C-alpha atoms as a PDB file:
ATOM      1  CA  MET A   1       0.005  -0.021   0.049  1.00  0.00           C
ATOM      2  CA  SER A   2       1.430   3.451  -1.002  1.00  0.00           C
ATOM      3  CA  SER A   3       1.661   6.274   1.517  1.00  0.00           C
ATOM      4  CA  LEU A   4       2.586   9.970   1.683  1.00  0.00           C
ATOM      5  CA  GLU A   5       5.554  10.853   3.809  1.00  0.00           C
ATOM      6  CA  LYS A   6       6.117  14.688   3.285  1.00  0.00           C
ATOM      7  CA  ILE A   7       5.655  17.476   0.845  1.00  0.00           C
ATOM      8  CA  ALA A   8       7.634  20.546   0.119  1.00  0.00           C
ATOM      9  CA  ILE A   9       5.910  23.752  -1.253  1.00  0.00           C
ATOM     10  CA  GLN A  10       7.512  26.844  -2.631  1.00  0.00           C
ATOM     11  CA  GLY A  11       6.115  29.429  -4.981  1.00  0.00           C
ATOM     12  CA  ILE A  12       2.571  28.127  -4.945  1.00  0.00           C
ATOM     13  CA  ARG A  13      -0.438  30.171  -4.104  1.00  0.00           C
ATOM     14  CA  SER A  14       0.172  31.998  -0.798  1.00  0.00           C
ATOM     15  CA  PHE A  15       3.688  30.117  -0.427  1.00  0.00           C
ATOM     16  CA  GLY A  16       6.258  32.469  -1.248  1.00  0.00           C
ATOM     17  CA  PRO A  17       8.918  31.910  -3.893  1.00  0.00           C
ATOM     18  CA  GLU A  18      12.009  32.639  -1.822  1.00  0.00           C
ATOM     19  CA  ASP A  19      13.963  29.732  -0.154  1.00  0.00           C
ATOM     20  CA  LYS A  20      12.903  31.053   3.202  1.00  0.00           C
ATOM     21  CA  ASP A  21       9.235  30.762   2.137  1.00  0.00           C
ATOM     22  CA  LYS A  22       9.613  27.077   1.519  1.00  0.00           C
ATOM     23  CA  LYS A  23       7.256  25.021   3.567  1.00  0.00           C
ATOM     24  CA  VAL A  24       7.607  21.178   4.537  1.00  0.00           C
ATOM     25  CA  ILE A  25       4.735  19.435   5.732  1.00  0.00           C
ATOM     26  CA  THR A  26       5.191  15.868   7.300  1.00  0.00           C
ATOM     27  CA  PHE A  27       2.270  13.458   7.095  1.00  0.00           C
ATOM     28  CA  PHE A  28       1.665  11.076  10.057  1.00  0.00           C
ATOM     29  CA  HIS A  29       0.014   7.597  10.021  1.00  0.00           C
ATOM     30  CA  PRO A  30      -2.509   6.517  10.001  1.00  0.00           C
ATOM     31  CA  LEU A  31      -4.121  10.012   9.926  1.00  0.00           C
ATOM     32  CA  THR A  32      -3.020  13.535   9.367  1.00  0.00           C
ATOM     33  CA  LEU A  33      -5.187  16.461  10.221  1.00  0.00           C
ATOM     34  CA  ILE A  34      -4.450  19.842   8.705  1.00  0.00           C
ATOM     35  CA  LEU A  35      -5.964  22.864  10.785  1.00  0.00           C
ATOM     36  CA  GLY A  36      -5.773  26.567  10.274  1.00  0.00           C
ATOM     37  CA  ASP A  37      -7.541  29.854   9.633  1.00  0.00           C
ATOM     38  CA  ASN A  38      -9.071  30.581   6.368  1.00  0.00           C
ATOM     39  CA  GLY A  39      -6.488  31.579   3.673  1.00  0.00           C
ATOM     40  CA  CYS A  40      -3.569  30.045   5.437  1.00  0.00           C
ATOM     41  CA  GLY A  41      -3.064  27.384   2.685  1.00  0.00           C
ATOM     42  CA  LYS A  42      -4.963  24.216   3.763  1.00  0.00           C
ATOM     43  CA  THR A  43      -6.409  23.908   0.472  1.00  0.00           C
ATOM     44  CA  THR A  44      -3.155  24.802  -1.357  1.00  0.00           C
ATOM     45  CA  ILE A  45      -1.712  21.647   0.224  1.00  0.00           C
ATOM     46  CA  ILE A  46      -4.357  19.448  -1.204  1.00  0.00           C
ATOM     47  CA  GLU A  47      -4.028  21.266  -4.559  1.00  0.00           C
ATOM     48  CA  ALA A  48      -0.180  20.667  -4.472  1.00  0.00           C
ATOM     49  CA  LEU A  49      -0.806  16.993  -3.798  1.00  0.00           C
ATOM     50  CA  LYS A  50      -3.198  16.883  -6.598  1.00  0.00           C
ATOM     51  CA  TYR A  51      -0.886  18.470  -8.942  1.00  0.00           C
ATOM     52  CA  ALA A  52       2.147  16.342  -7.853  1.00  0.00           C
ATOM     53  CA  THR A  53       0.356  13.042  -8.026  1.00  0.00           C
ATOM     54  CA  ALA A  54      -2.228  13.496 -10.881  1.00  0.00           C
ATOM     55  CA  GLY A  55      -0.797  16.511 -12.627  1.00  0.00           C
ATOM     56  CA  GLU A  56      -3.935  18.443 -12.567  1.00  0.00           C
ATOM     57  CA  TYR A  57      -4.329  22.172 -11.876  1.00  0.00           C
ATOM     58  CA  PRO A  58      -6.980  23.455  -9.453  1.00  0.00           C
ATOM     59  CA  ALA A  59     -10.573  23.779 -10.832  1.00  0.00           C
ATOM     60  CA  ASN A  60     -10.680  27.567 -10.167  1.00  0.00           C
ATOM     61  CA  THR A  61      -7.546  28.454 -12.284  1.00  0.00           C
ATOM     62  CA  LEU A  62      -7.280  28.847 -16.146  1.00  0.00           C
ATOM     63  CA  LYS A  63      -4.309  26.734 -17.328  1.00  0.00           C
ATOM     64  CA  GLY A  64      -2.414  27.075 -14.066  1.00  0.00           C
ATOM     65  CA  GLN A  65      -3.164  30.923 -13.835  1.00  0.00           C
ATOM     66  CA  GLY A  66      -3.303  31.796 -10.210  1.00  0.00           C
ATOM     67  CA  PHE A  67      -1.838  28.593  -9.106  1.00  0.00           C
ATOM     68  CA  VAL A  68       1.683  29.816  -8.882  1.00  0.00           C
ATOM     69  CA  HIS A  69       2.670  32.770  -6.726  1.00  0.00           C
ATOM     70  CA  ASP A  70       1.667  35.896  -8.523  1.00  0.00           C
ATOM     71  CA  PRO A  71       4.749  37.626  -9.901  1.00  0.00           C
ATOM     72  CA  ARG A  72       3.016  41.145  -9.343  1.00  0.00           C
ATOM     73  CA  LEU A  73       3.461  40.561  -5.618  1.00  0.00           C
ATOM     74  CA  THR A  74       7.236  40.171  -6.066  1.00  0.00           C
ATOM     75  CA  ALA A  75       9.856  42.606  -7.704  1.00  0.00           C
ATOM     76  CA  GLY A  76      10.466  40.416 -10.892  1.00  0.00           C
ATOM     77  CA  SER A  77       8.051  39.384 -13.669  1.00  0.00           C
ATOM     78  CA  GLU A  78       8.622  35.536 -13.214  1.00  0.00           C
ATOM     79  CA  VAL A  79       8.105  33.309 -10.240  1.00  0.00           C
ATOM     80  CA  ARG A  80       9.179  29.591 -10.091  1.00  0.00           C
ATOM     81  CA  GLY A  81       6.859  27.252  -8.275  1.00  0.00           C
ATOM     82  CA  GLN A  82       8.107  24.003  -6.852  1.00  0.00           C
ATOM     83  CA  ILE A  83       6.509  20.949  -5.261  1.00  0.00           C
ATOM     84  CA  LYS A  84       8.389  18.136  -3.935  1.00  0.00           C
ATOM     85  CA  LEU A  85       6.557  15.038  -2.792  1.00  0.00           C
ATOM     86  CA  GLN A  86       8.255  12.095  -0.945  1.00  0.00           C
ATOM     87  CA  PHE A  87       6.158   8.793  -0.625  1.00  0.00           C
ATOM     88  CA  ARG A  88       6.328   5.159  -0.681  1.00  0.00           C
ATOM     89  CA  ASP A  89       5.003   3.163  -3.525  1.00  0.00           C
ATOM     90  CA  VAL A  90       2.914   0.044  -3.358  1.00  0.00           C
ATOM     91  CA  LYS A  91       5.847  -2.178  -2.811  1.00  0.00           C
ATOM     92  CA  GLY A  92       6.990   0.134   0.224  1.00  0.00           C
ATOM     93  CA  GLU A  93      10.041   1.522  -1.754  1.00  0.00           C
ATOM     94  CA  LEU A  94      10.876   5.255  -1.131  1.00  0.00           C
ATOM     95  CA  MET A  95      10.064   7.544  -3.949  1.00  0.00           C
ATOM     96  CA  ALA A  96       9.969  11.326  -4.725  1.00  0.00           C
ATOM     97  CA  VAL A  97       8.554  13.469  -7.289  1.00  0.00           C
ATOM     98  CA  HIS A  98       9.718  16.969  -8.213  1.00  0.00           C
ATOM     99  CA  LYS A  99       7.552  19.346 -10.393  1.00  0.00           C
ATOM    100  CA  THR A 100       8.509  22.801 -11.247  1.00  0.00           C
ATOM    101  CA  LEU A 101       6.152  25.542 -12.702  1.00  0.00           C
ATOM    102  CA  LEU A 102       7.112  29.023 -14.037  1.00  0.00           C
ATOM    103  CA  ALA A 103       4.467  31.867 -14.012  1.00  0.00           C
ATOM    104  CA  THR A 104       5.362  34.708 -16.318  1.00  0.00           C
ATOM    105  CA  GLN A 105       3.586  38.249 -16.236  1.00  0.00           C
ATOM    106  CA  LYS A 106       3.008  39.200 -19.871  1.00  0.00           C
ATOM    107  CA  LEU A 107       1.730  42.499 -20.996  1.00  0.00           C
ATOM    108  CA  LYS A 108      -1.843  41.562 -21.000  1.00  0.00           C
ATOM    109  CA  ASN A 109      -2.080  38.290 -19.094  1.00  0.00           C
ATOM    110  CA  LEU A 110      -0.299  35.871 -16.755  1.00  0.00           C
ATOM    111  CA  GLN A 111       1.083  32.808 -18.369  1.00  0.00           C
ATOM    112  CA  THR A 112       2.008  29.438 -16.433  1.00  0.00           C
ATOM    113  CA  ASN A 113       4.229  26.756 -17.965  1.00  0.00           C
ATOM    114  CA  SER A 114       5.570  23.442 -16.584  1.00  0.00           C
ATOM    115  CA  LEU A 115       9.407  23.652 -16.721  1.00  0.00           C
ATOM    116  CA  ASP A 116      10.404  20.121 -15.398  1.00  0.00           C
ATOM    117  CA  GLN A 117       9.161  16.978 -13.832  1.00  0.00           C
ATOM    118  CA  VAL A 118      11.241  14.208 -12.282  1.00  0.00           C
ATOM    119  CA  VAL A 119      10.426  10.948 -10.580  1.00  0.00           C
ATOM    120  CA  SER A 120      13.253   9.553  -8.356  1.00  0.00           C
ATOM    121  CA  ARG A 121      13.349   6.186  -6.574  1.00  0.00           C
ATOM    122  CA  PHE A 122      15.626   5.340  -3.656  1.00  0.00           C
ATOM    123  CA  LYS A 123      16.835   1.621  -3.997  1.00  0.00           C
ATOM    124  CA  ASP A 124      19.978  -0.165  -2.911  1.00  0.00           C
ATOM    125  CA  GLY A 125      21.318   2.937  -1.223  1.00  0.00           C
ATOM    126  CA  ASN A 126      21.043   5.209  -4.416  1.00  0.00           C
ATOM    127  CA  TRP A 127      18.655   7.511  -6.016  1.00  0.00           C
ATOM    128  CA  SER A 128      17.779   6.886  -9.663  1.00  0.00           C
ATOM    129  CA  SER A 129      15.744   9.488 -11.458  1.00  0.00           C
ATOM    130  CA  ILE A 130      13.558   9.541 -14.681  1.00  0.00           C
ATOM    131  CA  SER A 131      12.684  13.036 -16.434  1.00  0.00           C
ATOM    132  CA  GLY A 132       9.532  14.004 -17.821  1.00  0.00           C
ATOM    133  CA  ARG A 133      11.324  14.370 -21.243  1.00  0.00           C
ATOM    134  CA  CYS A 134      11.850  10.538 -21.157  1.00  0.00           C
ATOM    135  CA  ALA A 135       8.500   9.312 -19.710  1.00  0.00           C
ATOM    136  CA  ASP A 136       5.023  10.204 -18.613  1.00  0.00           C
ATOM    137  CA  ILE A 137       5.501  11.263 -15.163  1.00  0.00           C
ATOM    138  CA  ASP A 138       1.710  11.153 -14.264  1.00  0.00           C
ATOM    139  CA  SER A 139       1.302   7.551 -15.422  1.00  0.00           C
ATOM    140  CA  GLU A 140       4.428   6.643 -13.558  1.00  0.00           C
ATOM    141  CA  MET A 141       2.709   8.133 -10.326  1.00  0.00           C
ATOM    142  CA  PHE A 142      -0.486   6.241 -10.885  1.00  0.00           C
ATOM    143  CA  TYR A 143       1.393   3.132 -11.417  1.00  0.00           C
ATOM    144  CA  SER A 144       3.604   3.634  -8.393  1.00  0.00           C
ATOM    145  CA  MET A 145       0.957   4.534  -6.090  1.00  0.00           C
ATOM    146  CA  GLY A 146      -1.447   1.856  -7.263  1.00  0.00           C
ATOM    147  CA  VAL A 147      -4.268   4.524  -7.587  1.00  0.00           C
ATOM    148  CA  SER A 148      -5.974   5.703 -10.796  1.00  0.00           C
ATOM    149  CA  LYS A 149      -6.270   9.380 -11.813  1.00  0.00           C
ATOM    150  CA  ALA A 150     -10.070   9.198 -11.403  1.00  0.00           C
ATOM    151  CA  VAL A 151      -9.724   8.256  -7.855  1.00  0.00           C
ATOM    152  CA  LEU A 152      -7.107  10.825  -6.955  1.00  0.00           C
ATOM    153  CA  SER A 153      -8.932  13.717  -8.581  1.00  0.00           C
ATOM    154  CA  ASN A 154     -12.654  12.831  -7.580  1.00  0.00           C
ATOM    155  CA  VAL A 155     -12.205  11.152  -4.263  1.00  0.00           C
ATOM    156  CA  LEU A 156      -8.911  11.477  -2.345  1.00  0.00           C
ATOM    157  CA  LEU A 157      -7.776  14.935  -3.654  1.00  0.00           C
ATOM    158  CA  CYS A 158     -11.116  16.313  -4.602  1.00  0.00           C
ATOM    159  CA  HIS A 159     -11.193  20.090  -4.474  1.00  0.00           C
ATOM    160  CA  GLN A 160     -13.662  21.533  -2.166  1.00  0.00           C
ATOM    161  CA  GLU A 161     -15.339  23.416  -4.968  1.00  0.00           C
ATOM    162  CA  GLU A 162     -15.940  20.224  -6.851  1.00  0.00           C
ATOM    163  CA  SER A 163     -16.850  18.002  -3.755  1.00  0.00           C
ATOM    164  CA  ASN A 164     -20.636  18.138  -4.575  1.00  0.00           C
ATOM    165  CA  TRP A 165     -20.169  16.517  -7.921  1.00  0.00           C
ATOM    166  CA  PRO A 166     -22.290  13.547  -6.669  1.00  0.00           C
ATOM    167  CA  LEU A 167     -25.113  15.896  -6.788  1.00  0.00           C
ATOM    168  CA  ASP A 168     -24.573  16.886 -10.384  1.00  0.00           C
ATOM    169  CA  ILE A 169     -26.749  15.671 -13.257  1.00  0.00           C
ATOM    170  CA  GLY A 170     -27.070  12.108 -13.950  1.00  0.00           C
ATOM    171  CA  SER A 171     -24.792  11.806 -16.975  1.00  0.00           C
ATOM    172  CA  VAL A 172     -21.903  13.596 -15.279  1.00  0.00           C
ATOM    173  CA  VAL A 173     -22.257  11.437 -12.192  1.00  0.00           C
ATOM    174  CA  LYS A 174     -22.342   8.315 -14.275  1.00  0.00           C
ATOM    175  CA  GLU A 175     -19.228   9.455 -16.194  1.00  0.00           C
ATOM    176  CA  ARG A 176     -17.329  10.232 -13.063  1.00  0.00           C
ATOM    177  CA  PHE A 177     -18.313   6.837 -11.323  1.00  0.00           C
ATOM    178  CA  ASP A 178     -17.383   4.955 -14.551  1.00  0.00           C
ATOM    179  CA  ALA A 179     -13.902   6.581 -14.407  1.00  0.00           C
ATOM    180  CA  ILE A 180     -13.443   5.836 -10.730  1.00  0.00           C
ATOM    181  CA  PHE A 181     -14.426   2.201 -10.916  1.00  0.00           C
ATOM    182  CA  GLY A 182     -12.649   1.812 -14.268  1.00  0.00           C
ATOM    183  CA  ALA A 183     -16.006   0.856 -16.001  1.00  0.00           C
ATOM    184  CA  VAL A 184     -14.889   2.600 -19.141  1.00  0.00           C
ATOM    185  CA  LYS A 185     -11.675   0.446 -19.313  1.00  0.00           C
ATOM    186  CA  TYR A 186     -13.903  -2.540 -18.565  1.00  0.00           C
ATOM    187  CA  ASN A 187     -16.454  -1.839 -21.205  1.00  0.00           C
ATOM    188  CA  LYS A 188     -13.653  -1.233 -23.710  1.00  0.00           C
ATOM    189  CA  CYS A 189     -12.005  -4.497 -22.561  1.00  0.00           C
ATOM    190  CA  LEU A 190     -15.455  -6.189 -22.842  1.00  0.00           C
ATOM    191  CA  GLU A 191     -16.035  -4.867 -26.306  1.00  0.00           C
ATOM    192  CA  HIS A 192     -12.470  -6.008 -27.168  1.00  0.00           C
ATOM    193  CA  VAL A 193     -13.342  -9.513 -25.826  1.00  0.00           C
ATOM    194  CA  LYS A 194     -16.526  -9.523 -27.783  1.00  0.00           C
ATOM    195  CA  LYS A 195     -14.736  -8.554 -31.021  1.00  0.00           C
ATOM    196  CA  ILE A 196     -12.180 -11.238 -30.375  1.00  0.00           C
ATOM    197  CA  ARG A 197     -14.819 -13.720 -29.546  1.00  0.00           C
ATOM    198  CA  LYS A 198     -16.749 -12.811 -32.762  1.00  0.00           C
ATOM    199  CA  SER A 199     -13.521 -13.155 -34.603  1.00  0.00           C
ATOM    200  CA  TYR A 200     -12.785 -16.429 -33.138  1.00  0.00           C
ATOM    201  CA  ASN A 201     -16.386 -17.615 -33.698  1.00  0.00           C
ATOM    202  CA  ASP A 202     -16.294 -16.633 -37.390  1.00  0.00           C
ATOM    203  CA  GLU A 203     -12.933 -18.313 -37.690  1.00  0.00           C
ATOM    204  CA  LEU A 204     -14.317 -21.358 -35.988  1.00  0.00           C
ATOM    205  CA  LYS A 205     -17.205 -21.420 -38.484  1.00  0.00           C
ATOM    206  CA  VAL A 206     -14.729 -21.333 -41.407  1.00  0.00           C
ATOM    207  CA  LEU A 207     -12.831 -24.132 -39.634  1.00  0.00           C
ATOM    208  CA  LYS A 208     -15.820 -26.195 -39.079  1.00  0.00           C
ATOM    209  CA  ALA A 209     -16.704 -25.891 -42.736  1.00  0.00           C
ATOM    210  CA  ASP A 210     -13.331 -26.772 -43.755  1.00  0.00           C
ATOM    211  CA  LEU A 211     -13.397 -29.708 -41.361  1.00  0.00           C
ATOM    212  CA  HIS A 212     -16.678 -30.949 -42.893  1.00  0.00           C
ATOM    213  CA  HIS A 213     -15.159 -30.816 -46.223  1.00  0.00           C
ATOM    214  CA  LEU A 214     -12.074 -32.563 -45.090  1.00  0.00           C
ATOM    215  CA  ASN A 215     -14.152 -35.233 -43.477  1.00  0.00           C
ATOM    216  CA  GLN A 216     -15.869 -35.620 -46.758  1.00  0.00           C
ATOM    217  CA  TYR A 217     -12.631 -35.806 -48.472  1.00  0.00           C
ATOM    218  CA  LYS A 218     -11.357 -38.306 -45.994  1.00  0.00           C
ATOM    219  CA  THR A 219     -14.412 -40.488 -46.433  1.00  0.00           C
ATOM    220  CA  GLU A 220     -13.936 -40.232 -50.304  1.00  0.00           C
ATOM    221  CA  ALA A 221     -10.295 -40.980 -49.896  1.00  0.00           C
ATOM    222  CA  GLY A 222     -11.059 -44.048 -47.657  1.00  0.00           C
ATOM    223  CA  GLN A 223     -13.482 -45.391 -50.171  1.00  0.00           C
ATOM    224  CA  LYS A 224     -11.109 -44.869 -53.086  1.00  0.00           C
ATOM    225  CA  ARG A 225      -8.409 -46.669 -51.048  1.00  0.00           C
ATOM    226  CA  THR A 226     -10.785 -49.495 -50.424  1.00  0.00           C
ATOM    227  CA  ARG A 227     -11.506 -49.681 -54.162  1.00  0.00           C
ATOM    228  CA  LEU A 228      -7.944 -49.421 -55.008  1.00  0.00           C
ATOM    229  CA  SER A 229      -7.292 -52.245 -52.732  1.00  0.00           C
ATOM    230  CA  GLU A 230     -10.022 -54.381 -54.187  1.00  0.00           C
ATOM    231  CA  THR A 231      -8.770 -53.547 -57.878  1.00  0.00           C
ATOM    232  CA  GLU A 232      -5.248 -54.376 -56.922  1.00  0.00           C
ATOM    233  CA  ILE A 233      -6.513 -57.735 -55.686  1.00  0.00           C
ATOM    234  CA  ARG A 234      -8.519 -58.310 -58.851  1.00  0.00           C
ATOM    235  CA  MET A 235      -5.467 -57.197 -60.785  1.00  0.00           C
ATOM    236  CA  PHE A 236      -3.261 -59.651 -59.079  1.00  0.00           C
ATOM    237  CA  GLU A 237      -5.785 -62.579 -59.704  1.00  0.00           C
ATOM    238  CA  CYS A 238      -6.089 -61.585 -63.419  1.00  0.00           C
ATOM    239  CA  ASN A 239      -2.289 -61.444 -63.635  1.00  0.00           C
ATOM    240  CA  GLN A 240      -2.211 -65.070 -62.193  1.00  0.00           C
ATOM    241  CA  LYS A 241      -4.949 -66.072 -64.637  1.00  0.00           C
ATOM    242  CA  ILE A 242      -2.913 -64.495 -67.392  1.00  0.00           C
ATOM    243  CA  GLU A 243       0.286 -66.296 -66.431  1.00  0.00           C
ATOM    244  CA  THR A 244      -1.669 -69.588 -66.289  1.00  0.00           C
ATOM    245  CA  PHE A 245      -3.227 -69.008 -69.738  1.00  0.00           C
ATOM    246  CA  LEU A 246       0.091 -67.955 -70.988  1.00  0.00           C
ATOM    247  CA  SER A 247       1.669 -71.186 -69.619  1.00  0.00           C
ATOM    248  CA  LYS A 248      -1.178 -73.185 -71.383  1.00  0.00           C
ATOM    249  CA  LEU A 249      -0.949 -71.214 -74.416  1.00  0.00           C
ATOM    250  CA  LYS A 250       2.740 -71.716 -75.100  1.00  0.00           C
ATOM    251  CA  PRO A 251       2.635 -75.533 -76.169  1.00  0.00           C
ATOM    252  CA  ILE A 252      -0.578 -74.518 -78.412  1.00  0.00           C
ATOM    253  CA  GLU A 253       1.629 -71.717 -79.889  1.00  0.00           C
ATOM    254  CA  GLU A 254       4.402 -74.343 -80.603  1.00  0.00           C
ATOM    255  CA  LYS A 255       1.843 -76.657 -82.274  1.00  0.00           C
ATOM    256  CA  LEU A 256       0.579 -73.778 -84.386  1.00  0.00           C
ATOM    257  CA  ARG A 257       3.924 -72.989 -85.528  1.00  0.00           C
ATOM    258  CA  ASP A 258       4.604 -76.643 -86.490  1.00  0.00           C
ATOM    259  CA  LEU A 259       1.290 -76.784 -88.307  1.00  0.00           C
ATOM    260  CA  ALA A 260       2.157 -73.488 -90.021  1.00  0.00           C
ATOM    261  CA  SER A 261       5.480 -74.873 -91.042  1.00  0.00           C
ATOM    262  CA  LYS A 262       3.841 -78.065 -92.341  1.00  0.00           C
ATOM    263  CA  GLU A 263       1.196 -75.960 -94.154  1.00  0.00           C
ATOM    264  CA  ASP A 264       3.993 -74.009 -95.839  1.00  0.00           C
ATOM    265  CA  GLN A 265       5.628 -77.332 -96.874  1.00  0.00           C
ATOM    266  CA  ILE A 266       2.345 -78.633 -98.208  1.00  0.00           C
ATOM    267  CA  GLY A 267       1.936 -75.534-100.052  1.00  0.00           C
ATOM    268  CA  GLN A 268       5.217 -75.779-101.542  1.00  0.00           C
ATOM    269  CA  MET A 269       4.684 -79.295-102.511  1.00  0.00           C
ATOM    270  CA  HIS A 270       1.314 -78.379-104.018  1.00  0.00           C
ATOM    271  CA  THR A 271       2.957 -75.667-105.923  1.00  0.00           C
ATOM    272  CA  ASP A 272       5.699 -78.058-107.068  1.00  0.00           C
ATOM    273  CA  CYS A 273       3.080 -80.671-108.099  1.00  0.00           C
ATOM    274  CA  GLU A 274       1.237 -78.127-110.153  1.00  0.00           C
ATOM    275  CA  THR A 275       4.502 -77.197-111.691  1.00  0.00           C
ATOM    276  CA  GLN A 276       5.215 -80.669-112.481  1.00  0.00           C
ATOM    277  CA  LYS A 277       1.780 -81.277-113.981  1.00  0.00           C
ATOM    278  CA  THR A 278       2.178 -78.228-116.065  1.00  0.00           C
ATOM    279  CA  LYS A 279       5.603 -79.743-117.363  1.00  0.00           C
ATOM    280  CA  LEU A 280       4.104 -82.933-117.941  1.00  0.00           C
ATOM    281  CA  ALA A 281       1.213 -81.623-119.890  1.00  0.00           C
ATOM    282  CA  SER A 282       3.736 -79.714-122.067  1.00  0.00           C
ATOM    283  CA  VAL A 283       5.895 -82.831-122.646  1.00  0.00           C
ATOM    284  CA  ARG A 284       2.740 -84.788-123.576  1.00  0.00           C
ATOM    285  CA  SER A 285       1.711 -82.112-125.809  1.00  0.00           C
ATOM    286  CA  THR A 286       5.264 -82.013-127.483  1.00  0.00           C
ATOM    287  CA  ILE A 287       5.244 -85.851-127.724  1.00  0.00           C
ATOM    288  CA  LYS A 288       1.969 -85.692-129.404  1.00  0.00           C
ATOM    289  CA  GLU A 289       3.145 -83.081-131.942  1.00  0.00           C
ATOM    290  CA  TYR A 290       6.215 -85.104-132.580  1.00  0.00           C
ATOM    291  CA  LYS A 291       4.120 -88.270-133.126  1.00  0.00           C
ATOM    292  CA  ASN A 292       1.916 -86.312-135.527  1.00  0.00           C
ATOM    293  CA  ALA A 293       5.031 -85.027-137.447  1.00  0.00           C
ATOM    294  CA  ILE A 294       6.484 -88.600-137.921  1.00  0.00           C
ATOM    295  CA  GLN A 295       6.037 -89.853-141.506  1.00  0.00           C
ATOM    296  CA  TYR A 296       7.591 -93.255-141.142  1.00  0.00           C
ATOM    297  CA  GLU A 297       7.469 -95.202-137.977  1.00  0.00           C
ATOM    298  CA  PHE A 298      10.733 -97.095-137.095  1.00  0.00           C
ATOM    299  CA  LYS A 299       9.899-100.524-135.927  1.00  0.00           C
ATOM    300  CA  GLY A 300      13.168-101.631-134.395  1.00  0.00           C
ATOM    301  CA  SER A 301      14.360-101.502-130.849  1.00  0.00           C
ATOM    302  CA  LEU A 302      16.026 -98.552-129.054  1.00  0.00           C
ATOM    303  CA  ASP A 303      19.388 -99.752-129.807  1.00  0.00           C
ATOM    304  CA  GLU A 304      18.645-100.323-133.401  1.00  0.00           C
ATOM    305  CA  LEU A 305      17.311 -96.758-133.587  1.00  0.00           C
ATOM    306  CA  ILE A 306      20.498 -95.344-132.164  1.00  0.00           C
ATOM    307  CA  GLU A 307      22.503 -97.250-134.635  1.00  0.00           C
ATOM    308  CA  ALA A 308      20.556 -96.115-137.479  1.00  0.00           C
ATOM    309  CA  ILE A 309      21.009 -92.560-136.394  1.00  0.00           C
ATOM    310  CA  GLN A 310      24.731 -93.056-136.160  1.00  0.00           C
ATOM    311  CA  ASN A 311      24.884 -94.394-139.561  1.00  0.00           C
ATOM    312  CA  PHE A 312      22.854 -91.474-140.969  1.00  0.00           C
ATOM    313  CA  GLN A 313      25.270 -89.030-139.372  1.00  0.00           C
ATOM    314  CA  ASP A 314      28.294 -90.929-140.890  1.00  0.00           C
ATOM    315  CA  GLU A 315      26.938 -90.738-144.308  1.00  0.00           C
END
């Protein structure tokens, strides 16, 4: 649990800008009472605490005008206001925040600016600091104190002129209560969760549709795999039958080749026979012609015919 230890105020409201005007208020535990006459600076302490922790100017100032000590009450045209708060964070570690303001009296108006903001942490015997140029000091304060800005502004350090906000119109009261209890963040978080859930549901629908199609593909693949197995079995059986038929067909093919060879031989013999028949007919025809051409027929034997021919040639 975080706790305040002390605050130093200089150049804020009725607290003078000189070093001698610097006031340090120490807070006691568990309770600190601030008592004093009107105008002595009780509200200024609360406003300084609010600015140091939440970074907000008092409600009755315009951009900080009137929060810093009025330069017209001094010899110069500028006044520096400083607020230093020492506290312990939610872990019990010692911390300090230092904020500096500058009020400048212009020709027509008073201008207030923030010069520097520093948060320091005491750890392991050393102070380590971070400047407002490197980080959001107000966010660091909210995180370190474990309290939201709405709780600091509207509850713990609420200005007396704004303390009647619960009696305001309903929309304003609701807005402040939502901020105090973090309902806005909760609603945003809930909307974000709803969007994520819707996105996941849409994605789930797509995935379910894909799963349905994949299951169909899986079923079809299983059926095709079964048909493929059956076809492979039938193919194997057919191959075995083919091998059996081929083994039976081989001797038949050999017989057919023998028959074809014999058929060729028979054909050749038939051709030769026809050729011989033709020759025989030609010889018979020639013989017939020769017989018809013979005028005198020789009545002797073949030897006698040969002798006669020889004698004819000798003469």
